[in-house]
Amino acid sequence: MMKKRYACDFCGKGVQHSNLVSFAKNRVHVVRRPNLHAHKMVIEGEAVRLKLCTACKRAVRLPEREKRAAVVAVAK
């Protein structure tokens, strides 16, 4: 259940389980979760709220940033 709750809707990046190991080789179990953000998108004319990891959010916003940069370059 934890894997689906903390998973990116775009790439599926989810929870990882690991150990923190001290110098004395004591192990502490750790759950590492992805950096998720709520992102609103329009898909097929319908507004949808998705949970995206930071890498996917940047990838989705890249074309928007390039388009804005081109408009600014033309305006100069």
PDB file of N, CA and C in Angstrom:
ATOM      1  N   MET A   1       0.814  -1.191   0.000  1.00  0.00           N
ATOM      2  CA  MET A   1       0.000   0.000   0.000  1.00  0.00           C
ATOM      3  C   MET A   1       0.859   1.257   0.000  1.00  0.00           C
ATOM      4  N   MET A   2       1.975   1.230   0.710  1.00  0.00           N
ATOM      5  CA  MET A   2       2.820   2.401   0.803  1.00  0.00           C
ATOM      6  C   MET A   2       3.432   2.744  -0.554  1.00  0.00           C
ATOM      7  N   LYS A   3       3.720   1.737  -1.375  1.00  0.00           N
ATOM      8  CA  LYS A   3       4.337   1.996  -2.663  1.00  0.00           C
ATOM      9  C   LYS A   3       3.427   2.812  -3.570  1.00  0.00           C
ATOM     10  N   LYS A   4       2.121   2.526  -3.579  1.00  0.00           N
ATOM     11  CA  LYS A   4       1.214   3.257  -4.452  1.00  0.00           C
ATOM     12  C   LYS A   4       0.935   4.657  -3.927  1.00  0.00           C
ATOM     13  N   ARG A   5       0.886   4.819  -2.621  1.00  0.00           N
ATOM     14  CA  ARG A   5       0.602   6.131  -2.054  1.00  0.00           C
ATOM     15  C   ARG A   5       1.741   7.098  -2.351  1.00  0.00           C
ATOM     16  N   TYR A   6       2.970   6.633  -2.292  1.00  0.00           N
ATOM     17  CA  TYR A   6       4.136   7.468  -2.525  1.00  0.00           C
ATOM     18  C   TYR A   6       4.777   7.101  -3.852  1.00  0.00           C
ATOM     19  N   ALA A   7       4.036   7.246  -4.942  1.00  0.00           N
ATOM     20  CA  ALA A   7       4.560   6.915  -6.261  1.00  0.00           C
ATOM     21  C   ALA A   7       4.210   8.025  -7.242  1.00  0.00           C
ATOM     22  N   CYS A   8       5.106   8.273  -8.173  1.00  0.00           N
ATOM     23  CA  CYS A   8       4.880   9.262  -9.219  1.00  0.00           C
ATOM     24  C   CYS A   8       3.876   8.695 -10.216  1.00  0.00           C
ATOM     25  N   ASP A   9       2.879   9.495 -10.591  1.00  0.00           N
ATOM     26  CA  ASP A   9       1.876   9.043 -11.549  1.00  0.00           C
ATOM     27  C   ASP A   9       2.431   8.977 -12.962  1.00  0.00           C
ATOM     28  N   PHE A  10       3.543   9.655 -13.234  1.00  0.00           N
ATOM     29  CA  PHE A  10       4.087   9.725 -14.584  1.00  0.00           C
ATOM     30  C   PHE A  10       5.104   8.611 -14.844  1.00  0.00           C
ATOM     31  N   CYS A  11       6.105   8.492 -13.980  1.00  0.00           N
ATOM     32  CA  CYS A  11       7.178   7.514 -14.220  1.00  0.00           C
ATOM     33  C   CYS A  11       7.099   6.296 -13.309  1.00  0.00           C
ATOM     34  N   GLY A  12       6.311   6.372 -12.233  1.00  0.00           N
ATOM     35  CA  GLY A  12       6.176   5.237 -11.336  1.00  0.00           C
ATOM     36  C   GLY A  12       7.253   5.145 -10.269  1.00  0.00           C
ATOM     37  N   LYS A  13       8.098   6.173 -10.161  1.00  0.00           N
ATOM     38  CA  LYS A  13       9.136   6.169  -9.123  1.00  0.00           C
ATOM     39  C   LYS A  13       8.462   6.080  -7.762  1.00  0.00           C
ATOM     40  N   GLY A  14       8.929   5.166  -6.931  1.00  0.00           N
ATOM     41  CA  GLY A  14       8.251   4.937  -5.662  1.00  0.00           C
ATOM     42  C   GLY A  14       9.204   4.808  -4.493  1.00  0.00           C
ATOM     43  N   VAL A  15       8.743   4.128  -3.480  1.00  0.00           N
ATOM     44  CA  VAL A  15       9.449   3.980  -2.217  1.00  0.00           C
ATOM     45  C   VAL A  15      10.617   3.011  -2.366  1.00  0.00           C
ATOM     46  N   GLN A  16      11.726   3.320  -1.687  1.00  0.00           N
ATOM     47  CA  GLN A  16      12.858   2.406  -1.599  1.00  0.00           C
ATOM     48  C   GLN A  16      13.141   2.143  -0.129  1.00  0.00           C
ATOM     49  N   HIS A  17      13.445   0.902   0.203  1.00  0.00           N
ATOM     50  CA  HIS A  17      13.785   0.530   1.573  1.00  0.00           C
ATOM     51  C   HIS A  17      15.289   0.310   1.642  1.00  0.00           C
ATOM     52  N   SER A  18      15.912   0.863   2.687  1.00  0.00           N
ATOM     53  CA  SER A  18      17.361   0.734   2.808  1.00  0.00           C
ATOM     54  C   SER A  18      17.748   0.682   4.277  1.00  0.00           C
ATOM     55  N   ASN A  19      19.039   0.504   4.512  1.00  0.00           N
ATOM     56  CA  ASN A  19      19.592   0.475   5.858  1.00  0.00           C
ATOM     57  C   ASN A  19      20.606   1.597   6.017  1.00  0.00           C
ATOM     58  N   LEU A  20      20.570   2.275   7.155  1.00  0.00           N
ATOM     59  CA  LEU A  20      21.652   3.168   7.536  1.00  0.00           C
ATOM     60  C   LEU A  20      22.612   2.338   8.376  1.00  0.00           C
ATOM     61  N   VAL A  21      23.874   2.273   7.960  1.00  0.00           N
ATOM     62  CA  VAL A  21      24.853   1.421   8.632  1.00  0.00           C
ATOM     63  C   VAL A  21      25.896   2.311   9.300  1.00  0.00           C
ATOM     64  N   SER A  22      26.019   2.195  10.615  1.00  0.00           N
ATOM     65  CA  SER A  22      26.984   2.994  11.363  1.00  0.00           C
ATOM     66  C   SER A  22      28.361   2.329  11.305  1.00  0.00           C
ATOM     67  N   PHE A  23      29.338   2.988  11.893  1.00  0.00           N
ATOM     68  CA  PHE A  23      30.689   2.436  11.940  1.00  0.00           C
ATOM     69  C   PHE A  23      30.705   1.116  12.705  1.00  0.00           C
ATOM     70  N   ALA A  24      29.853   0.992  13.709  1.00  0.00           N
ATOM     71  CA  ALA A  24      29.761  -0.240  14.497  1.00  0.00           C
ATOM     72  C   ALA A  24      28.921  -1.311  13.793  1.00  0.00           C
ATOM     73  N   LYS A  25      28.497  -1.001  12.579  1.00  0.00           N
ATOM     74  CA  LYS A  25      27.698  -1.902  11.740  1.00  0.00           C
ATOM     75  C   LYS A  25      26.319  -2.197  12.326  1.00  0.00           C
ATOM     76  N   ASN A  26      25.793  -1.242  13.085  1.00  0.00           N
ATOM     77  CA  ASN A  26      24.393  -1.331  13.500  1.00  0.00           C
ATOM     78  C   ASN A  26      23.537  -0.879  12.325  1.00  0.00           C
ATOM     79  N   ARG A  27      22.436  -1.561  12.119  1.00  0.00           N
ATOM     80  CA  ARG A  27      21.585  -1.226  10.981  1.00  0.00           C
ATOM     81  C   ARG A  27      20.261  -0.638  11.452  1.00  0.00           C
ATOM     82  N   VAL A  28      19.882   0.463  10.820  1.00  0.00           N
ATOM     83  CA  VAL A  28      18.600   1.104  11.087  1.00  0.00           C
ATOM     84  C   VAL A  28      17.839   1.124   9.772  1.00  0.00           C
ATOM     85  N   HIS A  29      16.647   0.566   9.766  1.00  0.00           N
ATOM     86  CA  HIS A  29      15.845   0.511   8.548  1.00  0.00           C
ATOM     87  C   HIS A  29      15.269   1.886   8.232  1.00  0.00           C
ATOM     88  N   VAL A  30      15.347   2.262   6.958  1.00  0.00           N
ATOM     89  CA  VAL A  30      14.898   3.575   6.510  1.00  0.00           C
ATOM     90  C   VAL A  30      14.020   3.402   5.278  1.00  0.00           C
ATOM     91  N   VAL A  31      12.984   4.223   5.176  1.00  0.00           N
ATOM     92  CA  VAL A  31      12.142   4.253   3.984  1.00  0.00           C
ATOM     93  C   VAL A  31      12.444   5.554   3.258  1.00  0.00           C
ATOM     94  N   ARG A  32      12.885   5.447   2.013  1.00  0.00           N
ATOM     95  CA  ARG A  32      13.197   6.635   1.215  1.00  0.00           C
ATOM     96  C   ARG A  32      12.049   6.863   0.239  1.00  0.00           C
ATOM     97  N   ARG A  33      11.484   8.071   0.296  1.00  0.00           N
ATOM     98  CA  ARG A  33      10.327   8.394  -0.536  1.00  0.00           C
ATOM     99  C   ARG A  33      10.727   9.418  -1.596  1.00  0.00           C
ATOM    100  N   PRO A  34      10.104   9.366  -2.768  1.00  0.00           N
ATOM    101  CA  PRO A  34      10.405  10.353  -3.807  1.00  0.00           C
ATOM    102  C   PRO A  34       9.854  11.728  -3.437  1.00  0.00           C
ATOM    103  N   ASN A  35      10.422  12.752  -4.036  1.00  0.00           N
ATOM    104  CA  ASN A  35      10.000  14.135  -3.806  1.00  0.00           C
ATOM    105  C   ASN A  35       8.792  14.418  -4.701  1.00  0.00           C
ATOM    106  N   LEU A  36       7.582  14.219  -4.173  1.00  0.00           N
ATOM    107  CA  LEU A  36       6.356  14.344  -4.960  1.00  0.00           C
ATOM    108  C   LEU A  36       5.715  15.714  -4.775  1.00  0.00           C
ATOM    109  N   HIS A  37       5.107  16.193  -5.861  1.00  0.00           N
ATOM    110  CA  HIS A  37       4.390  17.465  -5.860  1.00  0.00           C
ATOM    111  C   HIS A  37       3.060  17.270  -6.559  1.00  0.00           C
ATOM    112  N   ALA A  38       2.051  17.996  -6.109  1.00  0.00           N
ATOM    113  CA  ALA A  38       0.759  18.001  -6.796  1.00  0.00           C
ATOM    114  C   ALA A  38       0.880  18.940  -7.990  1.00  0.00           C
ATOM    115  N   HIS A  39       0.517  18.456  -9.174  1.00  0.00           N
ATOM    116  CA  HIS A  39       0.642  19.237 -10.400  1.00  0.00           C
ATOM    117  C   HIS A  39      -0.666  19.145 -11.165  1.00  0.00           C
ATOM    118  N   LYS A  40      -1.207  20.298 -11.541  1.00  0.00           N
ATOM    119  CA  LYS A  40      -2.454  20.320 -12.304  1.00  0.00           C
ATOM    120  C   LYS A  40      -2.125  20.392 -13.784  1.00  0.00           C
ATOM    121  N   MET A  41      -2.760  19.508 -14.570  1.00  0.00           N
ATOM    122  CA  MET A  41      -2.548  19.470 -16.013  1.00  0.00           C
ATOM    123  C   MET A  41      -3.897  19.370 -16.703  1.00  0.00           C
ATOM    124  N   VAL A  42      -3.923  19.755 -17.975  1.00  0.00           N
ATOM    125  CA  VAL A  42      -5.117  19.575 -18.793  1.00  0.00           C
ATOM    126  C   VAL A  42      -4.825  18.430 -19.749  1.00  0.00           C
ATOM    127  N   ILE A  43      -5.559  17.331 -19.587  1.00  0.00           N
ATOM    128  CA  ILE A  43      -5.391  16.151 -20.427  1.00  0.00           C
ATOM    129  C   ILE A  43      -6.714  15.895 -21.131  1.00  0.00           C
ATOM    130  N   GLU A  44      -6.689  15.947 -22.458  1.00  0.00           N
ATOM    131  CA  GLU A  44      -7.877  15.753 -23.293  1.00  0.00           C
ATOM    132  C   GLU A  44      -9.008  16.690 -22.874  1.00  0.00           C
ATOM    133  N   GLY A  45      -8.670  17.944 -22.582  1.00  0.00           N
ATOM    134  CA  GLY A  45      -9.664  18.947 -22.235  1.00  0.00           C
ATOM    135  C   GLY A  45     -10.195  18.880 -20.821  1.00  0.00           C
ATOM    136  N   GLU A  46      -9.647  18.004 -20.010  1.00  0.00           N
ATOM    137  CA  GLU A  46     -10.122  17.850 -18.634  1.00  0.00           C
ATOM    138  C   GLU A  46      -8.979  18.160 -17.670  1.00  0.00           C
ATOM    139  N   ALA A  47      -9.270  18.977 -16.655  1.00  0.00           N
ATOM    140  CA  ALA A  47      -8.261  19.321 -15.651  1.00  0.00           C
ATOM    141  C   ALA A  47      -8.053  18.127 -14.720  1.00  0.00           C
ATOM    142  N   VAL A  48      -6.794  17.719 -14.568  1.00  0.00           N
ATOM    143  CA  VAL A  48      -6.453  16.548 -13.762  1.00  0.00           C
ATOM    144  C   VAL A  48      -5.358  16.942 -12.782  1.00  0.00           C
ATOM    145  N   ARG A  49      -5.453  16.442 -11.564  1.00  0.00           N
ATOM    146  CA  ARG A  49      -4.424  16.683 -10.553  1.00  0.00           C
ATOM    147  C   ARG A  49      -3.592  15.417 -10.415  1.00  0.00           C
ATOM    148  N   LEU A  50      -2.288  15.528 -10.646  1.00  0.00           N
ATOM    149  CA  LEU A  50      -1.380  14.386 -10.602  1.00  0.00           C
ATOM    150  C   LEU A  50      -0.330  14.593  -9.524  1.00  0.00           C
ATOM    151  N   LYS A  51       0.213  13.469  -9.030  1.00  0.00           N
ATOM    152  CA  LYS A  51       1.377  13.512  -8.147  1.00  0.00           C
ATOM    153  C   LYS A  51       2.595  13.211  -9.006  1.00  0.00           C
ATOM    154  N   LEU A  52       3.464  14.207  -9.177  1.00  0.00           N
ATOM    155  CA  LEU A  52       4.651  14.039 -10.007  1.00  0.00           C
ATOM    156  C   LEU A  52       5.904  14.222  -9.163  1.00  0.00           C
ATOM    157  N   CYS A  53       6.933  13.419  -9.474  1.00  0.00           N
ATOM    158  CA  CYS A  53       8.225  13.628  -8.831  1.00  0.00           C
ATOM    159  C   CYS A  53       8.872  14.867  -9.453  1.00  0.00           C
ATOM    160  N   THR A  54       9.898  15.373  -8.821  1.00  0.00           N
ATOM    161  CA  THR A  54      10.518  16.612  -9.266  1.00  0.00           C
ATOM    162  C   THR A  54      11.086  16.482 -10.673  1.00  0.00           C
ATOM    163  N   ALA A  55      11.691  15.350 -10.997  1.00  0.00           N
ATOM    164  CA  ALA A  55      12.273  15.158 -12.326  1.00  0.00           C
ATOM    165  C   ALA A  55      11.198  15.200 -13.405  1.00  0.00           C
ATOM    166  N   CYS A  56      10.067  14.559 -13.161  1.00  0.00           N
ATOM    167  CA  CYS A  56       8.981  14.551 -14.145  1.00  0.00           C
ATOM    168  C   CYS A  56       8.344  15.930 -14.257  1.00  0.00           C
ATOM    169  N   LYS A  57       8.226  16.628 -13.153  1.00  0.00           N
ATOM    170  CA  LYS A  57       7.639  17.969 -13.190  1.00  0.00           C
ATOM    171  C   LYS A  57       8.508  18.898 -14.025  1.00  0.00           C
ATOM    172  N   ARG A  58       9.817  18.777 -13.878  1.00  0.00           N
ATOM    173  CA  ARG A  58      10.725  19.586 -14.695  1.00  0.00           C
ATOM    174  C   ARG A  58      10.624  19.203 -16.165  1.00  0.00           C
ATOM    175  N   ALA A  59      10.508  17.911 -16.451  1.00  0.00           N
ATOM    176  CA  ALA A  59      10.404  17.454 -17.838  1.00  0.00           C
ATOM    177  C   ALA A  59       9.106  17.929 -18.483  1.00  0.00           C
ATOM    178  N   VAL A  60       8.027  17.962 -17.712  1.00  0.00           N
ATOM    179  CA  VAL A  60       6.741  18.413 -18.242  1.00  0.00           C
ATOM    180  C   VAL A  60       6.783  19.911 -18.517  1.00  0.00           C
ATOM    181  N   ARG A  61       7.451  20.672 -17.664  1.00  0.00           N
ATOM    182  CA  ARG A  61       7.489  22.125 -17.810  1.00  0.00           C
ATOM    183  C   ARG A  61       8.553  22.607 -18.791  1.00  0.00           C
ATOM    184  N   LEU A  62       9.444  21.740 -19.262  1.00  0.00           N
ATOM    185  CA  LEU A  62      10.530  22.148 -20.149  1.00  0.00           C
ATOM    186  C   LEU A  62      10.029  22.794 -21.437  1.00  0.00           C
ATOM    187  N   PRO A  63       9.062  22.214 -22.170  1.00  0.00           N
ATOM    188  CA  PRO A  63       8.585  22.873 -23.394  1.00  0.00           C
ATOM    189  C   PRO A  63       7.986  24.260 -23.125  1.00  0.00           C
ATOM    190  N   GLU A  64       7.314  24.425 -21.987  1.00  0.00           N
ATOM    191  CA  GLU A  64       6.751  25.733 -21.643  1.00  0.00           C
ATOM    192  C   GLU A  64       7.860  26.758 -21.451  1.00  0.00           C
ATOM    193  N   ARG A  65       8.937  26.372 -20.753  1.00  0.00           N
ATOM    194  CA  ARG A  65      10.046  27.296 -20.512  1.00  0.00           C
ATOM    195  C   ARG A  65      10.746  27.659 -21.819  1.00  0.00           C
ATOM    196  N   GLU A  66      10.927  26.675 -22.712  1.00  0.00           N
ATOM    197  CA  GLU A  66      11.576  26.953 -23.994  1.00  0.00           C
ATOM    198  C   GLU A  66      10.734  27.906 -24.831  1.00  0.00           C
ATOM    199  N   LYS A  67       9.416  27.732 -24.791  1.00  0.00           N
ATOM    200  CA  LYS A  67       8.525  28.599 -25.554  1.00  0.00           C
ATOM    201  C   LYS A  67       8.611  30.039 -25.038  1.00  0.00           C
ATOM    202  N   ARG A  68       8.619  30.207 -23.706  1.00  0.00           N
ATOM    203  CA  ARG A  68       8.733  31.542 -23.120  1.00  0.00           C
ATOM    204  C   ARG A  68      10.078  32.178 -23.461  1.00  0.00           C
ATOM    205  N   ALA A  69      11.148  31.393 -23.456  1.00  0.00           N
ATOM    206  CA  ALA A  69      12.478  31.920 -23.771  1.00  0.00           C
ATOM    207  C   ALA A  69      12.532  32.391 -25.220  1.00  0.00           C
ATOM    208  N   ALA A  70      11.871  31.672 -26.124  1.00  0.00           N
ATOM    209  CA  ALA A  70      11.856  32.069 -27.530  1.00  0.00           C
ATOM    210  C   ALA A  70      11.099  33.381 -27.710  1.00  0.00           C
ATOM    211  N   VAL A  71      10.001  33.559 -26.989  1.00  0.00           N
ATOM    212  CA  VAL A  71       9.222  34.797 -27.082  1.00  0.00           C
ATOM    213  C   VAL A  71      10.032  35.973 -26.560  1.00  0.00           C
ATOM    214  N   VAL A  72      10.750  35.773 -25.465  1.00  0.00           N
ATOM    215  CA  VAL A  72      11.573  36.843 -24.895  1.00  0.00           C
ATOM    216  C   VAL A  72      12.717  37.191 -25.838  1.00  0.00           C
ATOM    217  N   ALA A  73      13.325  36.189 -26.476  1.00  0.00           N
ATOM    218  CA  ALA A  73      14.430  36.432 -27.398  1.00  0.00           C
ATOM    219  C   ALA A  73      13.956  37.225 -28.614  1.00  0.00           C
ATOM    220  N   VAL A  74      12.756  36.950 -29.103  1.00  0.00           N
ATOM    221  CA  VAL A  74      12.215  37.674 -30.255  1.00  0.00           C
ATOM    222  C   VAL A  74      11.884  39.109 -29.867  1.00  0.00           C
ATOM    223  N   ALA A  75      11.411  39.315 -28.637  1.00  0.00           N
ATOM    224  CA  ALA A  75      11.026  40.648 -28.180  1.00  0.00           C
ATOM    225  C   ALA A  75      12.232  41.573 -28.035  1.00  0.00           C
ATOM    226  N   LYS A  76      13.403  41.023 -27.779  1.00  0.00           N
ATOM    227  CA  LYS A  76      14.608  41.852 -27.611  1.00  0.00           C
ATOM    228  C   LYS A  76      15.063  42.308 -28.937  1.00  0.00           C
TER     229      LYS A  76
END
